[in-house]
Amino acid sequence: MTLKASELEKGQTFEAVVAENLSRTQIVQYAGASGDYNPLHTDEVFATEVAGYPSVFAHGMLTMGMTGRMLTDLVGDGRLLRFGGRFTSQVFPGDDLTTTATVEGVNEGDEPSVELTVSTTNQDGVVVFSGSAAARVDP
């Protein structure tokens, strides 16, 4: 899909499932890729018995990365101008995550772009990531 400024309007939404049944293996693989081996993400005993969480949980940047993948799938590689946000709740093994991007504004000038709000929720409707993005689009 190629987004076109002339076909976008404020309030328009795009949605994609970014994780189904997130596994502990995916979380540990992200720990390896990022070098972040914090025991809250990798050690069940530490996470539950020492820190008091129900389980290990995913790195916030893993959630942001999955959210970002949805955005680049939507707008295309190399078109994202800005992307940021905050982590609002933990993501646990077994979670299903869905990202929604909502058009907040469209610039149809010389360099067409779209402003988006972005939200990723789990299977219970809890927002786990909230942010915004801007991207170049076709005229």
Protein backbone atom coordinates (compact mmCIF):
# COMPACT_ATOMS: atom_id res chain seq x y z
CA MET A 1 0.00 0.00 0.00
CA THR A 2 1.29 3.46 -0.87
CA LEU A 3 -0.30 6.28 1.06
CA LYS A 4 -1.27 9.35 -0.94
CA ALA A 5 -1.88 12.74 0.65
CA SER A 6 -4.85 13.30 -1.66
CA GLU A 7 -6.54 10.15 -0.29
CA LEU A 8 -5.91 10.75 3.42
CA GLU A 9 -8.20 12.57 5.81
CA LYS A 10 -8.10 13.48 9.49
CA GLY A 11 -9.48 10.69 11.67
CA GLN A 12 -8.73 7.91 9.19
CA THR A 13 -7.29 4.85 10.95
CA PHE A 14 -5.06 1.96 10.01
CA GLU A 15 -4.69 -1.13 12.19
CA ALA A 16 -2.42 -4.17 12.25
CA VAL A 17 -1.69 -7.04 14.62
CA VAL A 18 2.00 -6.76 15.50
CA ALA A 19 2.32 -9.74 17.88
CA GLU A 20 0.30 -12.86 18.45
CA ASN A 21 1.01 -14.87 21.58
CA LEU A 22 4.31 -13.09 22.28
CA SER A 23 6.73 -15.76 23.43
CA ARG A 24 9.42 -15.79 26.09
CA THR A 25 11.78 -16.83 23.32
CA GLN A 26 11.04 -13.61 21.41
CA ILE A 27 11.72 -11.60 24.57
CA VAL A 28 15.03 -13.38 25.19
CA GLN A 29 15.98 -13.01 21.52
CA TYR A 30 15.40 -9.27 21.85
CA ALA A 31 17.58 -9.26 24.98
CA GLY A 32 20.34 -10.82 22.89
CA ALA A 33 19.88 -8.39 20.01
CA SER A 34 19.82 -5.34 22.29
CA GLY A 35 22.34 -6.50 24.88
CA ASP A 36 19.79 -5.73 27.61
CA TYR A 37 19.74 -8.78 29.88
CA ASN A 38 17.92 -7.10 32.76
CA PRO A 39 16.56 -10.01 34.85
CA LEU A 40 13.06 -8.47 34.74
CA HIS A 41 13.01 -9.58 31.09
CA THR A 42 14.90 -12.86 31.29
CA ASP A 43 14.72 -14.41 34.78
CA GLU A 44 11.31 -15.70 35.85
CA VAL A 45 12.32 -16.26 39.47
CA PHE A 46 13.76 -12.75 39.82
CA ALA A 47 10.77 -11.13 38.08
CA THR A 48 8.20 -12.94 40.22
CA GLU A 49 9.80 -13.59 43.60
CA VAL A 50 12.14 -10.62 43.95
CA ALA A 51 10.46 -7.87 41.91
CA GLY A 52 6.86 -9.02 42.45
CA TYR A 53 5.69 -9.07 38.83
CA PRO A 54 3.42 -11.86 37.57
CA SER A 55 6.07 -12.90 35.03
CA VAL A 56 9.01 -11.62 33.03
CA PHE A 57 7.93 -8.90 30.62
CA ALA A 58 9.05 -7.53 27.28
CA HIS A 59 11.48 -4.66 26.87
CA GLY A 60 9.70 -1.40 26.10
CA MET A 61 11.87 -1.00 23.02
CA LEU A 62 10.66 -4.38 21.72
CA THR A 63 7.10 -3.02 21.86
CA MET A 64 8.23 0.21 20.19
CA GLY A 65 10.07 -1.75 17.51
CA MET A 66 6.98 -3.82 16.68
CA THR A 67 4.93 -0.62 16.59
CA GLY A 68 7.52 1.00 14.31
CA ARG A 69 7.40 -1.98 11.97
CA MET A 70 3.67 -1.42 11.55
CA LEU A 71 4.37 2.19 10.62
CA THR A 72 7.06 1.37 8.06
CA ASP A 73 4.81 -1.33 6.60
CA LEU A 74 2.13 1.36 6.30
CA VAL A 75 4.16 4.25 4.87
CA GLY A 76 7.08 2.40 3.26
CA ASP A 77 10.79 2.10 3.99
CA GLY A 78 12.70 5.34 4.30
CA ARG A 79 9.56 7.49 4.61
CA LEU A 80 9.28 7.81 8.38
CA LEU A 81 10.34 11.33 9.40
CA ARG A 82 9.69 11.14 13.12
CA PHE A 83 8.53 8.49 15.58
CA GLY A 84 8.36 8.64 19.36
CA GLY A 85 6.23 7.71 22.29
CA ARG A 86 6.03 6.29 25.76
CA PHE A 87 5.55 2.90 27.30
CA THR A 88 2.33 2.85 29.30
CA SER A 89 2.03 -0.75 30.50
CA GLN A 90 4.04 -3.98 30.59
CA VAL A 91 3.81 -6.53 27.80
CA PHE A 92 3.85 -10.11 29.05
CA PRO A 93 4.45 -13.46 27.38
CA GLY A 94 1.25 -14.62 25.69
CA ASP A 95 0.07 -11.09 24.87
CA ASP A 96 -1.43 -10.22 21.51
CA LEU A 97 -0.62 -6.68 20.38
CA THR A 98 -2.48 -4.51 17.89
CA THR A 99 -1.26 -1.13 16.65
CA THR A 100 -3.58 1.62 15.43
CA ALA A 101 -2.33 4.67 13.54
CA THR A 102 -4.74 7.60 13.23
CA VAL A 103 -4.31 10.48 10.79
CA GLU A 104 -4.06 13.77 12.68
CA GLY A 105 -3.12 15.95 9.75
CA VAL A 106 -2.05 15.92 6.12
CA ASN A 107 0.38 18.31 4.44
CA GLU A 108 -0.24 18.35 0.68
CA GLY A 109 2.47 20.93 -0.10
CA ASP A 110 5.75 20.49 -1.98
CA GLU A 111 6.77 17.65 0.31
CA PRO A 112 3.55 15.80 1.19
CA SER A 113 3.47 14.25 4.65
CA VAL A 114 1.09 12.80 7.20
CA GLU A 115 0.99 13.29 10.98
CA LEU A 116 -0.17 10.23 12.93
CA THR A 117 -1.00 9.30 16.49
CA VAL A 118 -0.07 5.74 17.31
CA SER A 119 -1.37 3.38 19.96
CA THR A 120 -0.53 -0.25 20.64
CA THR A 121 -2.92 -2.24 22.82
CA ASN A 122 -2.94 -5.75 24.21
CA GLN A 123 -5.72 -8.32 23.93
CA ASP A 124 -7.51 -6.74 26.90
CA GLY A 125 -7.58 -3.28 25.30
CA VAL A 126 -4.86 -1.95 27.62
CA VAL A 127 -2.67 0.65 25.91
CA VAL A 128 0.95 -0.51 26.18
CA PHE A 129 2.52 2.14 23.92
CA SER A 130 1.28 5.59 22.96
CA GLY A 131 3.01 7.96 20.57
CA SER A 132 3.12 9.91 17.35
CA ALA A 133 4.82 9.78 13.99
CA ALA A 134 5.24 11.74 10.78
CA ALA A 135 5.98 10.32 7.35
CA ARG A 136 6.44 11.35 3.75
CA VAL A 137 3.60 10.27 1.48
CA ASP A 138 2.92 10.45 -2.25
CA PRO A 139 0.97 13.49 -3.52
